[in-house]
Amino acid sequence: MSEQAVAYLELKAAQNLFGKAPTALEAGEREHVRKMAAKQFSLEARVLAAPEARDAMVPRASLDAAMEEIRKRYPDEADFHADLQHNGLDEAGFMDALERELLVEAILEKVGTRAAQVSDIDVELYYQYHPDQFRRPETRRVRHILVTVNDDLPDNTRPVAQGRIEAIAERLARDPTRFEEQAMKHSECPTALQGGLLGEVPRGQLYPELDAALFEMKAGEISGILESPMGLHLLRCEGITAAAVLTLQEARSPIRTLLEQRRKRVCQGAWVKQLLNRA
């Protein structure tokens, strides 16, 4: 059990630290991964031996769901088993190591419940002392039509592309309500399938040439022909959401969740430190 559990931890450490399988590591990387896995195994052993581990368990359904999620990453069962074998594991050992990991997580969650409760005053103080976190920038709901420029393609040389987008602009000048239809027919961006919809866009998200034009437009307005490194564009500003500050009521729930998570981590960290000190 311990051999396969360590192999499992080495596999995770190699992927997390170096993005590689253990067998692909260089000598120095391999040594670092081995030390990390050994340290993690020793820490987990202390967690599992602690009084708080009493009555902790991993429901079979949770274990099966975790295994199924991992299996989905492979094209088929043969690839899954081949990868396990390649990393010094078999299915039974892998499942035992995964259950061990989930059990450690369950024990830490149990310890985390000891964290001090977050009060309404805690939430209100956080809101008052972190105002920048609750400013919502101005956004604009925007659609665009793109015609690319590529002199290697006869239909996309600059003169042809310019003529195509000018023709679209003329049609829209006569009937602006056709923007979505024209995007679906003529735009060379994948957003054509959604009628050119880019969504709610804050400043700085688009190319500078497009961004500058968009944030000068009024709701319902269509831009002139614009050029970016992607090609030639037409933009339609469908609506403007003004900058605002979230109210305390709007921010209360996410603040409470943030503070609860922080306190839980602090509580868990202090408990683990006690385990290490006792050892």
C-alpha atoms as a PDB file:
ATOM      1  CA  MET A   1       0.000   0.000   0.000  1.00  0.00           C
ATOM      2  CA  SER A   2       2.689   2.490   1.012  1.00  0.00           C
ATOM      3  CA  GLU A   3       4.765   1.810  -2.127  1.00  0.00           C
ATOM      4  CA  GLN A   4       1.848   2.522  -4.452  1.00  0.00           C
ATOM      5  CA  ALA A   5       0.702   5.492  -2.335  1.00  0.00           C
ATOM      6  CA  VAL A   6       4.156   7.038  -2.698  1.00  0.00           C
ATOM      7  CA  ALA A   7       4.140   6.295  -6.440  1.00  0.00           C
ATOM      8  CA  TYR A   8       0.788   8.087  -6.662  1.00  0.00           C
ATOM      9  CA  LEU A   9       2.185  11.104  -4.798  1.00  0.00           C
ATOM     10  CA  GLU A  10       5.255  11.139  -7.045  1.00  0.00           C
ATOM     11  CA  LEU A  11       2.996  11.117 -10.088  1.00  0.00           C
ATOM     12  CA  LYS A  12       1.011  14.105  -8.787  1.00  0.00           C
ATOM     13  CA  ALA A  13       4.141  16.021  -7.738  1.00  0.00           C
ATOM     14  CA  ALA A  14       5.817  15.454 -11.112  1.00  0.00           C
ATOM     15  CA  GLN A  15       2.756  16.715 -12.954  1.00  0.00           C
ATOM     16  CA  ASN A  16       2.185  19.693 -10.661  1.00  0.00           C
ATOM     17  CA  LEU A  17       5.812  20.827 -10.456  1.00  0.00           C
ATOM     18  CA  PHE A  18       7.156  19.983 -13.907  1.00  0.00           C
ATOM     19  CA  GLY A  19       4.174  18.994 -16.076  1.00  0.00           C
ATOM     20  CA  LYS A  20       5.783  15.606 -16.726  1.00  0.00           C
ATOM     21  CA  ALA A  21       5.330  11.950 -15.858  1.00  0.00           C
ATOM     22  CA  PRO A  22       7.870  10.717 -13.252  1.00  0.00           C
ATOM     23  CA  THR A  23       9.672   8.622 -15.880  1.00  0.00           C
ATOM     24  CA  ALA A  24      10.265  11.740 -18.009  1.00  0.00           C
ATOM     25  CA  LEU A  25      11.999  13.686 -15.234  1.00  0.00           C
ATOM     26  CA  GLU A  26      15.644  14.605 -15.296  1.00  0.00           C
ATOM     27  CA  ALA A  27      17.821  13.410 -12.423  1.00  0.00           C
ATOM     28  CA  GLY A  28      17.551  16.610 -10.355  1.00  0.00           C
ATOM     29  CA  GLU A  29      13.801  16.866 -10.960  1.00  0.00           C
ATOM     30  CA  ARG A  30      13.342  13.223 -10.032  1.00  0.00           C
ATOM     31  CA  GLU A  31      15.166  13.679  -6.728  1.00  0.00           C
ATOM     32  CA  HIS A  32      13.097  16.758  -5.894  1.00  0.00           C
ATOM     33  CA  VAL A  33       9.854  14.893  -6.654  1.00  0.00           C
ATOM     34  CA  ARG A  34      10.896  11.936  -4.514  1.00  0.00           C
ATOM     35  CA  LYS A  35      11.622  14.191  -1.547  1.00  0.00           C
ATOM     36  CA  MET A  36       8.315  16.027  -1.973  1.00  0.00           C
ATOM     37  CA  ALA A  37       6.348  12.769  -2.207  1.00  0.00           C
ATOM     38  CA  ALA A  38       8.102  11.285   0.831  1.00  0.00           C
ATOM     39  CA  LYS A  39       7.393  14.436   2.841  1.00  0.00           C
ATOM     40  CA  GLN A  40       3.754  14.441   1.757  1.00  0.00           C
ATOM     41  CA  PHE A  41       3.353  10.752   2.598  1.00  0.00           C
ATOM     42  CA  SER A  42       4.806  11.308   6.080  1.00  0.00           C
ATOM     43  CA  LEU A  43       2.484  14.276   6.698  1.00  0.00           C
ATOM     44  CA  GLU A  44      -0.558  12.357   5.505  1.00  0.00           C
ATOM     45  CA  ALA A  45       0.372   9.448   7.780  1.00  0.00           C
ATOM     46  CA  ARG A  46       0.295  11.811  10.759  1.00  0.00           C
ATOM     47  CA  VAL A  47      -3.066  13.203   9.674  1.00  0.00           C
ATOM     48  CA  LEU A  48      -4.507   9.691   9.334  1.00  0.00           C
ATOM     49  CA  ALA A  49      -3.169   8.714  12.773  1.00  0.00           C
ATOM     50  CA  ALA A  50      -4.572  11.804  14.530  1.00  0.00           C
ATOM     51  CA  PRO A  51      -7.600  11.521  16.855  1.00  0.00           C
ATOM     52  CA  GLU A  52      -9.558  13.677  14.413  1.00  0.00           C
ATOM     53  CA  ALA A  53      -9.329  10.838  11.884  1.00  0.00           C
ATOM     54  CA  ARG A  54     -11.673   8.776  14.034  1.00  0.00           C
ATOM     55  CA  ASP A  55     -14.984   8.201  12.229  1.00  0.00           C
ATOM     56  CA  ALA A  56     -13.720   9.934   9.064  1.00  0.00           C
ATOM     57  CA  MET A  57     -14.608   8.044   5.923  1.00  0.00           C
ATOM     58  CA  VAL A  58     -14.898   8.393   2.159  1.00  0.00           C
ATOM     59  CA  PRO A  59     -18.301   7.299   0.812  1.00  0.00           C
ATOM     60  CA  ARG A  60     -17.958   4.691  -1.901  1.00  0.00           C
ATOM     61  CA  ALA A  61     -19.973   6.886  -4.254  1.00  0.00           C
ATOM     62  CA  SER A  62     -17.445   9.708  -3.850  1.00  0.00           C
ATOM     63  CA  LEU A  63     -14.535   7.384  -4.555  1.00  0.00           C
ATOM     64  CA  ASP A  64     -16.247   5.917  -7.620  1.00  0.00           C
ATOM     65  CA  ALA A  65     -17.054   9.408  -8.916  1.00  0.00           C
ATOM     66  CA  ALA A  66     -13.416  10.498  -8.493  1.00  0.00           C
ATOM     67  CA  MET A  67     -12.188   7.386 -10.311  1.00  0.00           C
ATOM     68  CA  GLU A  68     -14.649   7.941 -13.134  1.00  0.00           C
ATOM     69  CA  GLU A  69     -13.516  11.532 -13.534  1.00  0.00           C
ATOM     70  CA  ILE A  70      -9.920  10.348 -13.912  1.00  0.00           C
ATOM     71  CA  ARG A  71     -10.860   7.584 -16.368  1.00  0.00           C
ATOM     72  CA  LYS A  72     -12.549  10.157 -18.612  1.00  0.00           C
ATOM     73  CA  ARG A  73      -9.152  11.724 -19.293  1.00  0.00           C
ATOM     74  CA  TYR A  74      -8.125   8.637 -21.252  1.00  0.00           C
ATOM     75  CA  PRO A  75      -9.429   7.490 -24.664  1.00  0.00           C
ATOM     76  CA  ASP A  76     -10.113   3.972 -23.353  1.00  0.00           C
ATOM     77  CA  GLU A  77      -9.421   1.521 -20.528  1.00  0.00           C
ATOM     78  CA  ALA A  78      -6.285   0.169 -22.199  1.00  0.00           C
ATOM     79  CA  ASP A  79      -4.668   3.616 -22.183  1.00  0.00           C
ATOM     80  CA  PHE A  80      -5.698   4.139 -18.559  1.00  0.00           C
ATOM     81  CA  HIS A  81      -4.118   0.864 -17.398  1.00  0.00           C
ATOM     82  CA  ALA A  82      -1.022   1.402 -19.545  1.00  0.00           C
ATOM     83  CA  ASP A  83      -0.444   4.797 -17.945  1.00  0.00           C
ATOM     84  CA  LEU A  84      -0.870   3.336 -14.455  1.00  0.00           C
ATOM     85  CA  GLN A  85       1.645   0.588 -15.200  1.00  0.00           C
ATOM     86  CA  HIS A  86       4.043   3.091 -16.739  1.00  0.00           C
ATOM     87  CA  ASN A  87       4.004   5.007 -13.434  1.00  0.00           C
ATOM     88  CA  GLY A  88       4.413   1.994 -11.143  1.00  0.00           C
ATOM     89  CA  LEU A  89       0.726   1.611 -10.263  1.00  0.00           C
ATOM     90  CA  ASP A  90      -2.085  -0.848 -10.802  1.00  0.00           C
ATOM     91  CA  GLU A  91      -5.816  -0.101 -10.601  1.00  0.00           C
ATOM     92  CA  ALA A  92      -6.275  -1.441  -7.073  1.00  0.00           C
ATOM     93  CA  GLY A  93      -3.246   0.441  -5.766  1.00  0.00           C
ATOM     94  CA  PHE A  94      -4.302   3.600  -7.550  1.00  0.00           C
ATOM     95  CA  MET A  95      -7.784   3.407  -6.042  1.00  0.00           C
ATOM     96  CA  ASP A  96      -6.340   2.835  -2.564  1.00  0.00           C
ATOM     97  CA  ALA A  97      -4.042   5.853  -2.967  1.00  0.00           C
ATOM     98  CA  LEU A  98      -6.919   7.980  -4.234  1.00  0.00           C
ATOM     99  CA  GLU A  99      -9.097   6.903  -1.300  1.00  0.00           C
ATOM    100  CA  ARG A 100      -6.247   7.785   1.061  1.00  0.00           C
ATOM    101  CA  GLU A 101      -5.992  11.241  -0.484  1.00  0.00           C
ATOM    102  CA  LEU A 102      -9.746  11.810  -0.214  1.00  0.00           C
ATOM    103  CA  LEU A 103      -9.709  10.613   3.400  1.00  0.00           C
ATOM    104  CA  VAL A 104      -6.978  13.123   4.279  1.00  0.00           C
ATOM    105  CA  GLU A 105      -9.075  15.850   2.630  1.00  0.00           C
ATOM    106  CA  ALA A 106     -12.121  14.754   4.642  1.00  0.00           C
ATOM    107  CA  ILE A 107     -10.152  14.942   7.901  1.00  0.00           C
ATOM    108  CA  LEU A 108      -8.889  18.420   7.043  1.00  0.00           C
ATOM    109  CA  GLU A 109     -12.439  19.507   6.224  1.00  0.00           C
ATOM    110  CA  LYS A 110     -13.526  18.205   9.631  1.00  0.00           C
ATOM    111  CA  VAL A 111     -10.742  20.185  11.308  1.00  0.00           C
ATOM    112  CA  GLY A 112     -11.738  23.234   9.286  1.00  0.00           C
ATOM    113  CA  THR A 113     -15.166  23.270  10.893  1.00  0.00           C
ATOM    114  CA  ARG A 114     -13.476  24.465  14.088  1.00  0.00           C
ATOM    115  CA  ALA A 115     -12.676  27.813  12.505  1.00  0.00           C
ATOM    116  CA  ALA A 116     -14.278  30.838  14.113  1.00  0.00           C
ATOM    117  CA  GLN A 117     -17.613  31.837  12.604  1.00  0.00           C
ATOM    118  CA  VAL A 118     -17.683  34.874  10.318  1.00  0.00           C
ATOM    119  CA  SER A 119     -19.976  37.531  11.768  1.00  0.00           C
ATOM    120  CA  ASP A 120     -21.915  40.268   9.997  1.00  0.00           C
ATOM    121  CA  ILE A 121     -19.480  42.775  11.515  1.00  0.00           C
ATOM    122  CA  ASP A 122     -16.541  40.876   9.979  1.00  0.00           C
ATOM    123  CA  VAL A 123     -18.217  41.095   6.590  1.00  0.00           C
ATOM    124  CA  GLU A 124     -19.007  44.801   6.954  1.00  0.00           C
ATOM    125  CA  LEU A 125     -15.466  45.645   8.058  1.00  0.00           C
ATOM    126  CA  TYR A 126     -13.989  43.781   5.101  1.00  0.00           C
ATOM    127  CA  TYR A 127     -16.302  45.668   2.748  1.00  0.00           C
ATOM    128  CA  GLN A 128     -15.294  49.020   4.244  1.00  0.00           C
ATOM    129  CA  TYR A 129     -11.535  48.333   4.189  1.00  0.00           C
ATOM    130  CA  HIS A 130     -11.362  46.844   0.650  1.00  0.00           C
ATOM    131  CA  PRO A 131     -13.445  49.227  -1.489  1.00  0.00           C
ATOM    132  CA  ASP A 132     -11.437  48.607  -4.680  1.00  0.00           C
ATOM    133  CA  GLN A 133     -12.579  44.989  -4.740  1.00  0.00           C
ATOM    134  CA  PHE A 134     -16.209  46.027  -5.160  1.00  0.00           C
ATOM    135  CA  ARG A 135     -15.929  48.505  -8.002  1.00  0.00           C
ATOM    136  CA  ARG A 136     -17.594  47.207 -11.161  1.00  0.00           C
ATOM    137  CA  PRO A 137     -16.135  48.791 -14.338  1.00  0.00           C
ATOM    138  CA  GLU A 138     -18.206  50.183 -17.177  1.00  0.00           C
ATOM    139  CA  THR A 139     -18.973  47.526 -19.773  1.00  0.00           C
ATOM    140  CA  ARG A 140     -20.523  47.577 -23.218  1.00  0.00           C
ATOM    141  CA  ARG A 141     -22.477  44.835 -24.894  1.00  0.00           C
ATOM    142  CA  VAL A 142     -20.968  44.579 -28.348  1.00  0.00           C
ATOM    143  CA  ARG A 143     -21.263  42.665 -31.610  1.00  0.00           C
ATOM    144  CA  HIS A 144     -18.728  42.762 -34.415  1.00  0.00           C
ATOM    145  CA  ILE A 145     -18.262  41.763 -38.020  1.00  0.00           C
ATOM    146  CA  LEU A 146     -14.774  40.744 -39.126  1.00  0.00           C
ATOM    147  CA  VAL A 147     -13.372  40.510 -42.645  1.00  0.00           C
ATOM    148  CA  THR A 148      -9.793  39.261 -42.603  1.00  0.00           C
ATOM    149  CA  VAL A 149      -7.016  40.605 -44.827  1.00  0.00           C
ATOM    150  CA  ASN A 150      -4.701  38.044 -46.414  1.00  0.00           C
ATOM    151  CA  ASP A 151      -2.998  38.796 -49.709  1.00  0.00           C
ATOM    152  CA  ASP A 152      -2.329  35.073 -50.227  1.00  0.00           C
ATOM    153  CA  LEU A 153      -6.066  34.419 -50.615  1.00  0.00           C
ATOM    154  CA  PRO A 154      -7.864  35.915 -53.630  1.00  0.00           C
ATOM    155  CA  ASP A 155     -11.066  36.586 -51.640  1.00  0.00           C
ATOM    156  CA  ASN A 156      -9.164  38.337 -48.845  1.00  0.00           C
ATOM    157  CA  THR A 157      -6.669  40.602 -50.530  1.00  0.00           C
ATOM    158  CA  ARG A 158      -6.849  44.098 -49.089  1.00  0.00           C
ATOM    159  CA  PRO A 159      -8.834  45.620 -51.979  1.00  0.00           C
ATOM    160  CA  VAL A 160     -11.356  42.758 -51.976  1.00  0.00           C
ATOM    161  CA  ALA A 161     -11.677  42.736 -48.177  1.00  0.00           C
ATOM    162  CA  GLN A 162     -12.156  46.505 -48.171  1.00  0.00           C
ATOM    163  CA  GLY A 163     -14.864  46.247 -50.808  1.00  0.00           C
ATOM    164  CA  ARG A 164     -16.658  43.490 -48.908  1.00  0.00           C
ATOM    165  CA  ILE A 165     -16.778  45.341 -45.609  1.00  0.00           C
ATOM    166  CA  GLU A 166     -17.789  48.594 -47.313  1.00  0.00           C
ATOM    167  CA  ALA A 167     -20.725  46.777 -48.889  1.00  0.00           C
ATOM    168  CA  ILE A 168     -21.757  45.429 -45.473  1.00  0.00           C
ATOM    169  CA  ALA A 169     -21.445  48.914 -43.961  1.00  0.00           C
ATOM    170  CA  GLU A 170     -23.691  50.350 -46.691  1.00  0.00           C
ATOM    171  CA  ARG A 171     -26.369  47.733 -46.023  1.00  0.00           C
ATOM    172  CA  LEU A 172     -26.245  48.487 -42.312  1.00  0.00           C
ATOM    173  CA  ALA A 173     -26.438  52.232 -42.938  1.00  0.00           C
ATOM    174  CA  ARG A 174     -29.770  51.602 -44.661  1.00  0.00           C
ATOM    175  CA  ASP A 175     -31.018  49.171 -41.989  1.00  0.00           C
ATOM    176  CA  PRO A 176     -29.013  48.950 -38.728  1.00  0.00           C
ATOM    177  CA  THR A 177     -31.300  46.198 -37.405  1.00  0.00           C
ATOM    178  CA  ARG A 178     -29.646  43.775 -39.846  1.00  0.00           C
ATOM    179  CA  PHE A 179     -26.332  43.738 -37.943  1.00  0.00           C
ATOM    180  CA  GLU A 180     -26.836  40.283 -36.425  1.00  0.00           C
ATOM    181  CA  GLU A 181     -27.962  38.829 -39.749  1.00  0.00           C
ATOM    182  CA  GLN A 182     -24.989  40.362 -41.596  1.00  0.00           C
ATOM    183  CA  ALA A 183     -22.586  39.035 -38.968  1.00  0.00           C
ATOM    184  CA  MET A 184     -23.968  35.511 -39.371  1.00  0.00           C
ATOM    185  CA  LYS A 185     -23.646  35.726 -43.159  1.00  0.00           C
ATOM    186  CA  HIS A 186     -20.352  37.541 -43.617  1.00  0.00           C
ATOM    187  CA  SER A 187     -18.216  37.687 -40.457  1.00  0.00           C
ATOM    188  CA  GLU A 188     -15.075  35.528 -40.497  1.00  0.00           C
ATOM    189  CA  CYS A 189     -14.918  35.292 -36.713  1.00  0.00           C
ATOM    190  CA  PRO A 190     -16.281  32.224 -34.847  1.00  0.00           C
ATOM    191  CA  THR A 191     -18.694  34.620 -33.115  1.00  0.00           C
ATOM    192  CA  ALA A 192     -20.600  34.758 -36.421  1.00  0.00           C
ATOM    193  CA  LEU A 193     -22.582  31.765 -35.118  1.00  0.00           C
ATOM    194  CA  GLN A 194     -23.885  34.035 -32.351  1.00  0.00           C
ATOM    195  CA  GLY A 195     -24.549  36.944 -34.670  1.00  0.00           C
ATOM    196  CA  GLY A 196     -21.132  38.456 -33.921  1.00  0.00           C
ATOM    197  CA  LEU A 197     -21.774  38.721 -30.189  1.00  0.00           C
ATOM    198  CA  LEU A 198     -18.660  39.445 -28.111  1.00  0.00           C
ATOM    199  CA  GLY A 199     -20.687  39.974 -24.932  1.00  0.00           C
ATOM    200  CA  GLU A 200     -20.203  42.452 -22.087  1.00  0.00           C
ATOM    201  CA  VAL A 201     -16.773  44.005 -22.642  1.00  0.00           C
ATOM    202  CA  PRO A 202     -14.834  46.214 -20.178  1.00  0.00           C
ATOM    203  CA  ARG A 203     -12.156  48.678 -21.240  1.00  0.00           C
ATOM    204  CA  GLY A 204      -8.891  47.115 -22.291  1.00  0.00           C
ATOM    205  CA  GLN A 205     -10.236  43.749 -23.430  1.00  0.00           C
ATOM    206  CA  LEU A 206     -10.303  44.400 -27.183  1.00  0.00           C
ATOM    207  CA  TYR A 207      -7.534  45.516 -29.496  1.00  0.00           C
ATOM    208  CA  PRO A 208      -6.712  49.195 -28.753  1.00  0.00           C
ATOM    209  CA  GLU A 209      -8.116  50.333 -32.105  1.00  0.00           C
ATOM    210  CA  LEU A 210     -11.452  48.682 -31.349  1.00  0.00           C
ATOM    211  CA  ASP A 211     -11.472  49.558 -27.668  1.00  0.00           C
ATOM    212  CA  ALA A 212     -11.004  53.271 -28.310  1.00  0.00           C
ATOM    213  CA  ALA A 213     -13.868  53.352 -30.814  1.00  0.00           C
ATOM    214  CA  LEU A 214     -16.248  51.223 -28.741  1.00  0.00           C
ATOM    215  CA  PHE A 215     -15.999  53.400 -25.639  1.00  0.00           C
ATOM    216  CA  GLU A 216     -16.803  56.516 -27.651  1.00  0.00           C
ATOM    217  CA  MET A 217     -20.002  55.006 -29.085  1.00  0.00           C
ATOM    218  CA  LYS A 218     -23.567  55.454 -27.905  1.00  0.00           C
ATOM    219  CA  ALA A 219     -25.944  52.563 -27.310  1.00  0.00           C
ATOM    220  CA  GLY A 220     -27.328  51.341 -30.641  1.00  0.00           C
ATOM    221  CA  GLU A 221     -24.575  52.990 -32.686  1.00  0.00           C
ATOM    222  CA  ILE A 222     -22.572  51.201 -35.395  1.00  0.00           C
ATOM    223  CA  SER A 223     -18.936  52.135 -35.884  1.00  0.00           C
ATOM    224  CA  GLY A 224     -17.161  53.071 -39.058  1.00  0.00           C
ATOM    225  CA  ILE A 225     -14.759  50.573 -40.576  1.00  0.00           C
ATOM    226  CA  LEU A 226     -11.968  49.805 -38.100  1.00  0.00           C
ATOM    227  CA  GLU A 227      -8.746  47.861 -38.524  1.00  0.00           C
ATOM    228  CA  SER A 228      -6.923  45.634 -36.042  1.00  0.00           C
ATOM    229  CA  PRO A 229      -4.232  42.957 -36.482  1.00  0.00           C
ATOM    230  CA  MET A 230      -7.115  40.530 -37.146  1.00  0.00           C
ATOM    231  CA  GLY A 231      -8.488  42.477 -40.105  1.00  0.00           C
ATOM    232  CA  LEU A 232     -11.330  44.897 -40.805  1.00  0.00           C
ATOM    233  CA  HIS A 233     -14.217  45.322 -38.370  1.00  0.00           C
ATOM    234  CA  LEU A 234     -17.589  46.867 -37.829  1.00  0.00           C
ATOM    235  CA  LEU A 235     -18.798  47.200 -34.240  1.00  0.00           C
ATOM    236  CA  ARG A 236     -22.291  47.637 -32.845  1.00  0.00           C
ATOM    237  CA  CYS A 237     -22.659  48.882 -29.279  1.00  0.00           C
ATOM    238  CA  GLU A 238     -25.898  47.290 -28.116  1.00  0.00           C
ATOM    239  CA  GLY A 239     -25.933  48.651 -24.598  1.00  0.00           C
ATOM    240  CA  ILE A 240     -23.918  50.361 -21.896  1.00  0.00           C
ATOM    241  CA  THR A 241     -23.653  49.255 -18.278  1.00  0.00           C
ATOM    242  CA  ALA A 242     -22.294  52.144 -16.239  1.00  0.00           C
ATOM    243  CA  ALA A 243     -19.485  51.723 -13.748  1.00  0.00           C
ATOM    244  CA  ALA A 244     -20.799  51.075 -10.268  1.00  0.00           C
ATOM    245  CA  VAL A 245     -19.832  49.971  -6.800  1.00  0.00           C
ATOM    246  CA  LEU A 246     -21.393  46.786  -5.479  1.00  0.00           C
ATOM    247  CA  THR A 247     -23.568  47.458  -2.487  1.00  0.00           C
ATOM    248  CA  LEU A 248     -22.844  45.777   0.812  1.00  0.00           C
ATOM    249  CA  GLN A 249     -25.908  43.629   0.253  1.00  0.00           C
ATOM    250  CA  GLU A 250     -24.601  42.468  -3.139  1.00  0.00           C
ATOM    251  CA  ALA A 251     -21.116  41.825  -1.769  1.00  0.00           C
ATOM    252  CA  ARG A 252     -22.150  40.192   1.514  1.00  0.00           C
ATOM    253  CA  SER A 253     -22.340  36.576   0.300  1.00  0.00           C
ATOM    254  CA  PRO A 254     -19.000  36.476  -1.607  1.00  0.00           C
ATOM    255  CA  ILE A 255     -17.236  38.256   1.267  1.00  0.00           C
ATOM    256  CA  ARG A 256     -18.587  35.740   3.777  1.00  0.00           C
ATOM    257  CA  THR A 257     -17.453  32.840   1.573  1.00  0.00           C
ATOM    258  CA  LEU A 258     -13.983  34.357   1.185  1.00  0.00           C
ATOM    259  CA  LEU A 259     -13.533  34.936   4.922  1.00  0.00           C
ATOM    260  CA  GLU A 260     -14.837  31.473   5.793  1.00  0.00           C
ATOM    261  CA  GLN A 261     -12.366  29.854   3.400  1.00  0.00           C
ATOM    262  CA  ARG A 262      -9.493  31.919   4.787  1.00  0.00           C
ATOM    263  CA  ARG A 263     -10.314  31.034   8.376  1.00  0.00           C
ATOM    264  CA  LYS A 264     -10.687  27.371   7.498  1.00  0.00           C
ATOM    265  CA  ARG A 265      -7.223  27.330   5.885  1.00  0.00           C
ATOM    266  CA  VAL A 266      -5.684  29.077   8.885  1.00  0.00           C
ATOM    267  CA  CYS A 267      -7.315  26.582  11.242  1.00  0.00           C
ATOM    268  CA  GLN A 268      -6.148  23.620   9.166  1.00  0.00           C
ATOM    269  CA  GLY A 269      -2.622  25.026   8.901  1.00  0.00           C
ATOM    270  CA  ALA A 270      -2.365  25.521  12.670  1.00  0.00           C
ATOM    271  CA  TRP A 271      -3.591  21.965  13.289  1.00  0.00           C
ATOM    272  CA  VAL A 272      -1.074  20.469  10.853  1.00  0.00           C
ATOM    273  CA  LYS A 273       1.696  22.508  12.483  1.00  0.00           C
ATOM    274  CA  GLN A 274       0.720  21.048  15.866  1.00  0.00           C
ATOM    275  CA  LEU A 275       0.944  17.540  14.407  1.00  0.00           C
ATOM    276  CA  LEU A 276       4.422  18.227  13.089  1.00  0.00           C
ATOM    277  CA  ASN A 277       5.560  19.755  16.377  1.00  0.00           C
ATOM    278  CA  ARG A 278       4.293  16.746  18.331  1.00  0.00           C
ATOM    279  CA  ALA A 279       6.123  14.453  15.948  1.00  0.00           C
END
